[in-house]
C-alpha cells in the first residue's frame, strides 16, 4: 500500500466535499486498515467502476480521489515536479457574460459568451455558446453530437478544434429551441495543447506524462481567440453554414 493517500472525507460527506484537499503522509510503510465496499451515489446516481480500493481507518472511510472526482465531473492530474494534485471542475453555465459575439445562420443564431476576459492560469475557462432556432416551424438538421464546436488559437494563429465524429444524426429543432454547450476542459483544451505539442515535436508520440503528470487540460498563459464554429446542415436543402462567432480572452 502506498505511503501517500488522499483523504477525501467520510463517505457520508462526499457529496458536499469542497475541492480543498490535503495529502497525509504516514511515517510507516504499512497501515492496518479494514477493506470496505460502500456504494458511492452522486446526485442520485451510483458511480460505476473504480480505480482502487476503499478502506476504513480510524473511523474514517477513504476512497480513491480519481473515482470521486470523475463521478462529480472533475479532472484529476498530478504535477510530479511540484508534488501537487490538481482537481479541475467544469465551470457551470450561469451568470452574466462580460463579452459576447453573435452570428445569424439562416433561421438559426449562434452566440458565444465569456464570463471573464482575463482568467488566472489554472482556473477553468468560463466560455459557453448556444445555437438558437428562430424559425416558425420545425426544422431537421444533420449534426454530430452537437451542432457546433469550439476552436482555440493563440496569437500566432496556431491551434484548432477537437475532432468531430463523422456520424451525422438527424435532429429536429422546434421554434424557440436552444442548444447550449460550454468550452470543455477535458476535450477542447487538451485538443489545443496536443496540437501545439505535436507541431513542436513532429513525428513523435505524445509522452505518457502529458496525460498523467502535466496539466494538459489547462491553457498556458497567453492571449487566445476562441471560436464557436457551426457543424450542421439543413436536411431539406443540404445547406451548410460557414459564419462563426469568436471572442478573445487572456490567460494570465
C-alpha atoms as a PDB file:
ATOM      1  CA  UNK A   1       0.000   0.000   0.000  1.00  0.00           C
ATOM      2  CA  UNK A   2       1.289   3.453  -0.871  1.00  0.00           C
ATOM      3  CA  UNK A   3       2.560   5.755   1.854  1.00  0.00           C
ATOM      4  CA  UNK A   4       0.534   8.613   0.361  1.00  0.00           C
ATOM      5  CA  UNK A   5      -3.236   8.677   0.363  1.00  0.00           C
ATOM      6  CA  UNK A   6      -5.693  11.428  -0.429  1.00  0.00           C
ATOM      7  CA  UNK A   7      -8.282  11.734   2.276  1.00  0.00           C
ATOM      8  CA  UNK A   8     -11.478  12.843   0.540  1.00  0.00           C
ATOM      9  CA  UNK A   9     -13.821  12.683   3.576  1.00  0.00           C
ATOM     10  CA  UNK A  10     -16.127  10.245   5.248  1.00  0.00           C
ATOM     11  CA  UNK A  11     -18.444   8.711   2.648  1.00  0.00           C
ATOM     12  CA  UNK A  12     -21.472  10.442   4.142  1.00  0.00           C
ATOM     13  CA  UNK A  13     -19.895  13.821   3.390  1.00  0.00           C
ATOM     14  CA  UNK A  14     -18.525  13.218  -0.106  1.00  0.00           C
ATOM     15  CA  UNK A  15     -21.273  14.981  -1.997  1.00  0.00           C
ATOM     16  CA  UNK A  16     -20.656  18.222  -0.126  1.00  0.00           C
ATOM     17  CA  UNK A  17     -16.862  17.997  -0.056  1.00  0.00           C
ATOM     18  CA  UNK A  18     -15.028  21.115  -1.184  1.00  0.00           C
ATOM     19  CA  UNK A  19     -12.090  20.869  -3.567  1.00  0.00           C
ATOM     20  CA  UNK A  20      -9.658  21.792  -0.816  1.00  0.00           C
ATOM     21  CA  UNK A  21      -7.698  18.594  -0.386  1.00  0.00           C
ATOM     22  CA  UNK A  22      -4.799  17.590   1.811  1.00  0.00           C
ATOM     23  CA  UNK A  23      -2.204  14.846   1.411  1.00  0.00           C
ATOM     24  CA  UNK A  24      -1.491  12.841   4.554  1.00  0.00           C
ATOM     25  CA  UNK A  25       1.985  11.271   4.702  1.00  0.00           C
ATOM     26  CA  UNK A  26       2.359   8.447   7.184  1.00  0.00           C
ATOM     27  CA  UNK A  27       5.591   7.583   8.955  1.00  0.00           C
ATOM     28  CA  UNK A  28       5.157   3.845   8.413  1.00  0.00           C
ATOM     29  CA  UNK A  29       5.218   1.959   5.148  1.00  0.00           C
ATOM     30  CA  UNK A  30       2.176  -0.073   6.176  1.00  0.00           C
ATOM     31  CA  UNK A  31      -1.187   0.538   7.847  1.00  0.00           C
ATOM     32  CA  UNK A  32      -3.714  -1.737   9.462  1.00  0.00           C
ATOM     33  CA  UNK A  33      -6.911  -0.943   7.577  1.00  0.00           C
ATOM     34  CA  UNK A  34     -10.261  -2.586   7.021  1.00  0.00           C
ATOM     35  CA  UNK A  35     -11.420  -3.042   3.390  1.00  0.00           C
ATOM     36  CA  UNK A  36     -14.914  -1.658   2.803  1.00  0.00           C
ATOM     37  CA  UNK A  37     -17.241  -1.705  -0.200  1.00  0.00           C
ATOM     38  CA  UNK A  38     -19.804   1.101   0.181  1.00  0.00           C
ATOM     39  CA  UNK A  39     -21.993   2.335  -2.636  1.00  0.00           C
ATOM     40  CA  UNK A  40     -20.994   5.775  -3.920  1.00  0.00           C
ATOM     41  CA  UNK A  41     -24.059   7.749  -5.022  1.00  0.00           C
ATOM     42  CA  UNK A  42     -23.729  11.214  -6.602  1.00  0.00           C
ATOM     43  CA  UNK A  43     -26.831  13.303  -7.275  1.00  0.00           C
ATOM     44  CA  UNK A  44     -28.968  10.174  -7.085  1.00  0.00           C
ATOM     45  CA  UNK A  45     -26.825   8.105  -9.473  1.00  0.00           C
ATOM     46  CA  UNK A  46     -24.492   5.339  -8.392  1.00  0.00           C
ATOM     47  CA  UNK A  47     -20.877   5.675  -9.519  1.00  0.00           C
ATOM     48  CA  UNK A  48     -19.793   2.766 -11.690  1.00  0.00           C
ATOM     49  CA  UNK A  49     -16.370   1.161 -11.772  1.00  0.00           C
ATOM     50  CA  UNK A  50     -13.314   2.351  -9.879  1.00  0.00           C
ATOM     51  CA  UNK A  51      -9.541   2.525  -9.983  1.00  0.00           C
ATOM     52  CA  UNK A  52      -8.587   1.493  -6.481  1.00  0.00           C
ATOM     53  CA  UNK A  53      -9.669   0.010  -3.142  1.00  0.00           C
ATOM     54  CA  UNK A  54     -11.679   1.699  -0.428  1.00  0.00           C
ATOM     55  CA  UNK A  55     -10.868   1.187   3.224  1.00  0.00           C
ATOM     56  CA  UNK A  56     -11.690   2.309   6.736  1.00  0.00           C
ATOM     57  CA  UNK A  57      -9.011   3.674   9.059  1.00  0.00           C
ATOM     58  CA  UNK A  58      -9.615   5.183  12.491  1.00  0.00           C
ATOM     59  CA  UNK A  59     -13.366   5.567  11.850  1.00  0.00           C
ATOM     60  CA  UNK A  60     -12.860   7.396   8.543  1.00  0.00           C
ATOM     61  CA  UNK A  61     -13.587   5.950   5.118  1.00  0.00           C
ATOM     62  CA  UNK A  62     -11.021   6.541   2.367  1.00  0.00           C
ATOM     63  CA  UNK A  63     -11.786   6.342  -1.341  1.00  0.00           C
ATOM     64  CA  UNK A  64      -9.617   6.957  -4.436  1.00  0.00           C
ATOM     65  CA  UNK A  65      -9.619  10.667  -5.274  1.00  0.00           C
ATOM     66  CA  UNK A  66      -9.877   9.948  -9.004  1.00  0.00           C
ATOM     67  CA  UNK A  67     -13.053   7.885  -8.539  1.00  0.00           C
ATOM     68  CA  UNK A  68     -14.757  10.641  -6.543  1.00  0.00           C
ATOM     69  CA  UNK A  69     -13.630  13.417  -8.882  1.00  0.00           C
ATOM     70  CA  UNK A  70     -14.639  11.590 -12.063  1.00  0.00           C
ATOM     71  CA  UNK A  71     -18.073  10.805 -10.654  1.00  0.00           C
ATOM     72  CA  UNK A  72     -18.534  14.512  -9.887  1.00  0.00           C
ATOM     73  CA  UNK A  73     -17.401  15.610 -13.361  1.00  0.00           C
ATOM     74  CA  UNK A  74     -13.897  16.746 -12.406  1.00  0.00           C
ATOM     75  CA  UNK A  75     -10.453  16.005 -13.848  1.00  0.00           C
ATOM     76  CA  UNK A  76      -7.511  14.911 -11.702  1.00  0.00           C
ATOM     77  CA  UNK A  77      -3.879  15.445 -12.698  1.00  0.00           C
ATOM     78  CA  UNK A  78      -0.604  15.147 -10.823  1.00  0.00           C
ATOM     79  CA  UNK A  79       2.281  17.588 -11.155  1.00  0.00           C
ATOM     80  CA  UNK A  80       5.331  15.465 -10.342  1.00  0.00           C
ATOM     81  CA  UNK A  81       7.740  18.415 -10.342  1.00  0.00           C
ATOM     82  CA  UNK A  82       5.884  20.234  -7.551  1.00  0.00           C
ATOM     83  CA  UNK A  83       4.322  17.133  -5.935  1.00  0.00           C
ATOM     84  CA  UNK A  84       0.849  18.645  -6.337  1.00  0.00           C
ATOM     85  CA  UNK A  85      -2.506  17.037  -7.103  1.00  0.00           C
ATOM     86  CA  UNK A  86      -4.821  19.266  -9.173  1.00  0.00           C
ATOM     87  CA  UNK A  87      -8.595  18.774  -9.272  1.00  0.00           C
ATOM     88  CA  UNK A  88     -10.249  20.801 -12.048  1.00  0.00           C
ATOM     89  CA  UNK A  89     -14.027  21.062 -12.095  1.00  0.00           C
ATOM     90  CA  UNK A  90     -16.184  22.208 -15.031  1.00  0.00           C
ATOM     91  CA  UNK A  91     -17.495  25.772 -14.950  1.00  0.00           C
ATOM     92  CA  UNK A  92     -21.283  25.924 -14.533  1.00  0.00           C
ATOM     93  CA  UNK A  93     -23.043  27.776 -17.325  1.00  0.00           C
ATOM     94  CA  UNK A  94     -24.705  30.648 -15.494  1.00  0.00           C
ATOM     95  CA  UNK A  95     -24.284  34.315 -14.728  1.00  0.00           C
ATOM     96  CA  UNK A  96     -23.828  37.379 -16.912  1.00  0.00           C
ATOM     97  CA  UNK A  97     -21.266  37.464 -19.696  1.00  0.00           C
ATOM     98  CA  UNK A  98     -18.597  40.164 -19.976  1.00  0.00           C
ATOM     99  CA  UNK A  99     -18.158  39.669 -23.716  1.00  0.00           C
ATOM    100  CA  UNK A 100     -20.208  38.001 -26.422  1.00  0.00           C
ATOM    101  CA  UNK A 101     -20.451  37.595 -30.190  1.00  0.00           C
ATOM    102  CA  UNK A 102     -23.388  36.530 -32.378  1.00  0.00           C
ATOM    103  CA  UNK A 103     -23.828  35.322 -35.958  1.00  0.00           C
ATOM    104  CA  UNK A 104     -27.080  34.706 -37.818  1.00  0.00           C
ATOM    105  CA  UNK A 105     -27.213  31.443 -39.781  1.00  0.00           C
ATOM    106  CA  UNK A 106     -30.450  31.468 -41.736  1.00  0.00           C
ATOM    107  CA  UNK A 107     -33.152  30.649 -39.188  1.00  0.00           C
ATOM    108  CA  UNK A 108     -30.510  29.956 -36.536  1.00  0.00           C
ATOM    109  CA  UNK A 109     -28.500  32.274 -34.279  1.00  0.00           C
ATOM    110  CA  UNK A 110     -25.079  31.205 -32.997  1.00  0.00           C
ATOM    111  CA  UNK A 111     -23.869  33.060 -29.896  1.00  0.00           C
ATOM    112  CA  UNK A 112     -20.622  32.811 -27.941  1.00  0.00           C
ATOM    113  CA  UNK A 113     -20.105  34.147 -24.405  1.00  0.00           C
ATOM    114  CA  UNK A 114     -17.345  34.578 -21.814  1.00  0.00           C
ATOM    115  CA  UNK A 115     -17.957  35.373 -18.147  1.00  0.00           C
ATOM    116  CA  UNK A 116     -14.420  36.801 -17.886  1.00  0.00           C
ATOM    117  CA  UNK A 117     -11.993  38.185 -20.452  1.00  0.00           C
ATOM    118  CA  UNK A 118      -8.960  37.661 -18.197  1.00  0.00           C
ATOM    119  CA  UNK A 119      -8.562  34.327 -16.419  1.00  0.00           C
ATOM    120  CA  UNK A 120      -5.787  33.402 -13.959  1.00  0.00           C
ATOM    121  CA  UNK A 121      -3.683  30.439 -15.041  1.00  0.00           C
ATOM    122  CA  UNK A 122      -5.077  27.186 -13.691  1.00  0.00           C
ATOM    123  CA  UNK A 123      -8.644  28.466 -13.419  1.00  0.00           C
ATOM    124  CA  UNK A 124     -11.378  26.987 -15.651  1.00  0.00           C
ATOM    125  CA  UNK A 125     -12.163  28.996 -18.804  1.00  0.00           C
ATOM    126  CA  UNK A 126     -15.740  30.341 -18.416  1.00  0.00           C
ATOM    127  CA  UNK A 127     -16.811  30.238 -22.070  1.00  0.00           C
ATOM    128  CA  UNK A 128     -20.053  28.867 -23.468  1.00  0.00           C
ATOM    129  CA  UNK A 129     -22.066  29.001 -26.680  1.00  0.00           C
ATOM    130  CA  UNK A 130     -25.597  28.392 -27.847  1.00  0.00           C
ATOM    131  CA  UNK A 131     -27.448  27.763 -31.076  1.00  0.00           C
ATOM    132  CA  UNK A 132     -30.987  29.148 -31.064  1.00  0.00           C
ATOM    133  CA  UNK A 133     -33.626  28.217 -33.652  1.00  0.00           C
ATOM    134  CA  UNK A 134     -35.633  31.273 -34.752  1.00  0.00           C
ATOM    135  CA  UNK A 135     -37.902  29.660 -37.367  1.00  0.00           C
ATOM    136  CA  UNK A 136     -41.681  29.353 -37.038  1.00  0.00           C
ATOM    137  CA  UNK A 137     -41.917  25.634 -37.888  1.00  0.00           C
ATOM    138  CA  UNK A 138     -39.884  22.534 -37.182  1.00  0.00           C
ATOM    139  CA  UNK A 139     -36.563  22.104 -38.967  1.00  0.00           C
ATOM    140  CA  UNK A 140     -34.477  18.930 -39.256  1.00  0.00           C
ATOM    141  CA  UNK A 141     -30.707  19.262 -39.364  1.00  0.00           C
ATOM    142  CA  UNK A 142     -27.915  16.733 -39.748  1.00  0.00           C
ATOM    143  CA  UNK A 143     -25.368  17.130 -36.962  1.00  0.00           C
ATOM    144  CA  UNK A 144     -22.955  15.142 -34.809  1.00  0.00           C
ATOM    145  CA  UNK A 145     -23.384  15.025 -31.052  1.00  0.00           C
ATOM    146  CA  UNK A 146     -23.681  18.830 -31.178  1.00  0.00           C
ATOM    147  CA  UNK A 147     -24.302  21.415 -33.941  1.00  0.00           C
ATOM    148  CA  UNK A 148     -21.123  23.458 -33.347  1.00  0.00           C
ATOM    149  CA  UNK A 149     -17.637  23.011 -31.939  1.00  0.00           C
ATOM    150  CA  UNK A 150     -15.018  25.194 -30.291  1.00  0.00           C
ATOM    151  CA  UNK A 151     -11.657  26.239 -31.712  1.00  0.00           C
ATOM    152  CA  UNK A 152      -8.800  27.689 -29.660  1.00  0.00           C
ATOM    153  CA  UNK A 153      -5.991  29.606 -31.363  1.00  0.00           C
ATOM    154  CA  UNK A 154      -3.077  31.544 -29.898  1.00  0.00           C
ATOM    155  CA  UNK A 155      -1.701  34.903 -31.089  1.00  0.00           C
ATOM    156  CA  UNK A 156       0.236  33.154 -33.853  1.00  0.00           C
ATOM    157  CA  UNK A 157      -2.962  31.535 -35.119  1.00  0.00           C
ATOM    158  CA  UNK A 158      -1.832  28.069 -34.041  1.00  0.00           C
ATOM    159  CA  UNK A 159      -4.292  25.571 -32.597  1.00  0.00           C
ATOM    160  CA  UNK A 160      -7.638  24.261 -33.713  1.00  0.00           C
ATOM    161  CA  UNK A 161     -10.632  22.321 -32.502  1.00  0.00           C
ATOM    162  CA  UNK A 162     -11.426  18.847 -31.255  1.00  0.00           C
ATOM    163  CA  UNK A 163     -12.050  16.134 -33.816  1.00  0.00           C
ATOM    164  CA  UNK A 164     -15.757  15.899 -34.645  1.00  0.00           C
ATOM    165  CA  UNK A 165     -17.332  12.448 -35.161  1.00  0.00           C
ATOM    166  CA  UNK A 166     -18.179  11.794 -38.812  1.00  0.00           C
ATOM    167  CA  UNK A 167     -21.545  10.192 -37.999  1.00  0.00           C
ATOM    168  CA  UNK A 168     -24.368  12.682 -38.557  1.00  0.00           C
ATOM    169  CA  UNK A 169     -27.695  12.327 -36.786  1.00  0.00           C
ATOM    170  CA  UNK A 170     -30.979  13.906 -37.991  1.00  0.00           C
ATOM    171  CA  UNK A 171     -32.062  16.253 -35.198  1.00  0.00           C
ATOM    172  CA  UNK A 172     -35.362  18.135 -35.058  1.00  0.00           C
ATOM    173  CA  UNK A 173     -35.459  21.730 -33.816  1.00  0.00           C
ATOM    174  CA  UNK A 174     -38.788  23.281 -32.824  1.00  0.00           C
ATOM    175  CA  UNK A 175     -39.396  27.052 -32.688  1.00  0.00           C
ATOM    176  CA  UNK A 176     -37.521  28.540 -29.744  1.00  0.00           C
ATOM    177  CA  UNK A 177     -35.248  25.511 -29.179  1.00  0.00           C
ATOM    178  CA  UNK A 178     -31.753  26.271 -27.845  1.00  0.00           C
ATOM    179  CA  UNK A 179     -28.691  24.017 -27.878  1.00  0.00           C
ATOM    180  CA  UNK A 180     -26.284  25.045 -25.108  1.00  0.00           C
ATOM    181  CA  UNK A 181     -22.691  23.887 -24.592  1.00  0.00           C
ATOM    182  CA  UNK A 182     -19.547  25.098 -22.833  1.00  0.00           C
ATOM    183  CA  UNK A 183     -15.837  25.003 -23.575  1.00  0.00           C
ATOM    184  CA  UNK A 184     -14.744  21.605 -22.317  1.00  0.00           C
ATOM    185  CA  UNK A 185     -11.567  21.454 -20.225  1.00  0.00           C
ATOM    186  CA  UNK A 186     -11.456  17.692 -20.817  1.00  0.00           C
ATOM    187  CA  UNK A 187     -11.796  17.801 -24.630  1.00  0.00           C
ATOM    188  CA  UNK A 188     -11.329  21.238 -26.217  1.00  0.00           C
ATOM    189  CA  UNK A 189      -8.334  22.466 -24.183  1.00  0.00           C
ATOM    190  CA  UNK A 190      -6.400  19.160 -24.371  1.00  0.00           C
ATOM    191  CA  UNK A 191      -7.004  19.147 -28.145  1.00  0.00           C
ATOM    192  CA  UNK A 192      -5.341  22.573 -28.361  1.00  0.00           C
ATOM    193  CA  UNK A 193      -2.396  21.504 -26.173  1.00  0.00           C
ATOM    194  CA  UNK A 194      -1.919  18.273 -28.141  1.00  0.00           C
ATOM    195  CA  UNK A 195      -1.946  20.203 -31.422  1.00  0.00           C
ATOM    196  CA  UNK A 196       0.690  22.671 -30.195  1.00  0.00           C
ATOM    197  CA  UNK A 197       2.865  19.890 -28.770  1.00  0.00           C
ATOM    198  CA  UNK A 198       2.736  17.833 -31.967  1.00  0.00           C
ATOM    199  CA  UNK A 199       3.621  20.863 -34.075  1.00  0.00           C
ATOM    200  CA  UNK A 200       6.688  21.491 -31.897  1.00  0.00           C
ATOM    201  CA  UNK A 201       7.610  17.779 -31.848  1.00  0.00           C
ATOM    202  CA  UNK A 202       6.757  16.385 -35.312  1.00  0.00           C
ATOM    203  CA  UNK A 203       6.832  12.629 -35.833  1.00  0.00           C
ATOM    204  CA  UNK A 204       6.919  11.994 -32.067  1.00  0.00           C
ATOM    205  CA  UNK A 205       4.337  10.186 -29.980  1.00  0.00           C
ATOM    206  CA  UNK A 206       2.661  12.071 -27.172  1.00  0.00           C
ATOM    207  CA  UNK A 207       4.577  11.348 -23.953  1.00  0.00           C
ATOM    208  CA  UNK A 208       2.717   9.396 -21.289  1.00  0.00           C
ATOM    209  CA  UNK A 209       3.399  12.116 -18.718  1.00  0.00           C
ATOM    210  CA  UNK A 210       1.418  14.579 -20.819  1.00  0.00           C
ATOM    211  CA  UNK A 211      -1.675  12.547 -19.975  1.00  0.00           C
ATOM    212  CA  UNK A 212      -0.782  11.760 -16.365  1.00  0.00           C
ATOM    213  CA  UNK A 213       1.511  14.341 -14.797  1.00  0.00           C
ATOM    214  CA  UNK A 214       1.117  17.596 -16.724  1.00  0.00           C
ATOM    215  CA  UNK A 215      -1.914  19.882 -16.577  1.00  0.00           C
ATOM    216  CA  UNK A 216      -2.818  19.149 -20.165  1.00  0.00           C
ATOM    217  CA  UNK A 217      -6.384  20.362 -19.516  1.00  0.00           C
ATOM    218  CA  UNK A 218      -5.185  23.913 -18.706  1.00  0.00           C
ATOM    219  CA  UNK A 219      -4.384  26.691 -21.167  1.00  0.00           C
ATOM    220  CA  UNK A 220      -0.886  28.190 -20.760  1.00  0.00           C
ATOM    221  CA  UNK A 221      -0.637  31.954 -20.104  1.00  0.00           C
ATOM    222  CA  UNK A 222      -1.225  33.982 -23.258  1.00  0.00           C
ATOM    223  CA  UNK A 223      -3.849  35.593 -25.480  1.00  0.00           C
ATOM    224  CA  UNK A 224      -6.351  33.398 -27.294  1.00  0.00           C
ATOM    225  CA  UNK A 225      -9.150  33.610 -29.819  1.00  0.00           C
ATOM    226  CA  UNK A 226     -11.958  31.190 -29.036  1.00  0.00           C
ATOM    227  CA  UNK A 227     -14.362  30.413 -31.847  1.00  0.00           C
ATOM    228  CA  UNK A 228     -17.727  28.674 -31.957  1.00  0.00           C
ATOM    229  CA  UNK A 229     -17.973  27.135 -35.442  1.00  0.00           C
ATOM    230  CA  UNK A 230     -21.220  25.666 -36.852  1.00  0.00           C
ATOM    231  CA  UNK A 231     -21.167  21.990 -37.830  1.00  0.00           C
ATOM    232  CA  UNK A 232     -24.614  21.124 -39.155  1.00  0.00           C
ATOM    233  CA  UNK A 233     -26.631  21.202 -42.351  1.00  0.00           C
ATOM    234  CA  UNK A 234     -30.318  21.546 -43.183  1.00  0.00           C
ATOM    235  CA  UNK A 235     -31.729  18.164 -44.149  1.00  0.00           C
ATOM    236  CA  UNK A 236     -34.248  19.700 -46.564  1.00  0.00           C
ATOM    237  CA  UNK A 237     -31.703  21.621 -48.686  1.00  0.00           C
ATOM    238  CA  UNK A 238     -28.286  20.345 -47.605  1.00  0.00           C
ATOM    239  CA  UNK A 239     -27.259  23.943 -46.845  1.00  0.00           C
ATOM    240  CA  UNK A 240     -24.217  24.315 -44.583  1.00  0.00           C
ATOM    241  CA  UNK A 241     -23.054  27.452 -42.805  1.00  0.00           C
ATOM    242  CA  UNK A 242     -19.585  28.993 -42.693  1.00  0.00           C
ATOM    243  CA  UNK A 243     -20.071  32.038 -40.441  1.00  0.00           C
ATOM    244  CA  UNK A 244     -18.688  31.608 -36.917  1.00  0.00           C
ATOM    245  CA  UNK A 245     -18.626  33.640 -33.698  1.00  0.00           C
ATOM    246  CA  UNK A 246     -15.381  34.464 -31.900  1.00  0.00           C
ATOM    247  CA  UNK A 247     -14.152  36.233 -28.776  1.00  0.00           C
ATOM    248  CA  UNK A 248     -10.749  36.986 -27.250  1.00  0.00           C
ATOM    249  CA  UNK A 249      -9.586  36.026 -23.772  1.00  0.00           C
ATOM    250  CA  UNK A 250      -6.297  36.288 -21.878  1.00  0.00           C
ATOM    251  CA  UNK A 251      -4.867  33.682 -19.516  1.00  0.00           C
ATOM    252  CA  UNK A 252      -2.592  35.441 -17.008  1.00  0.00           C
END
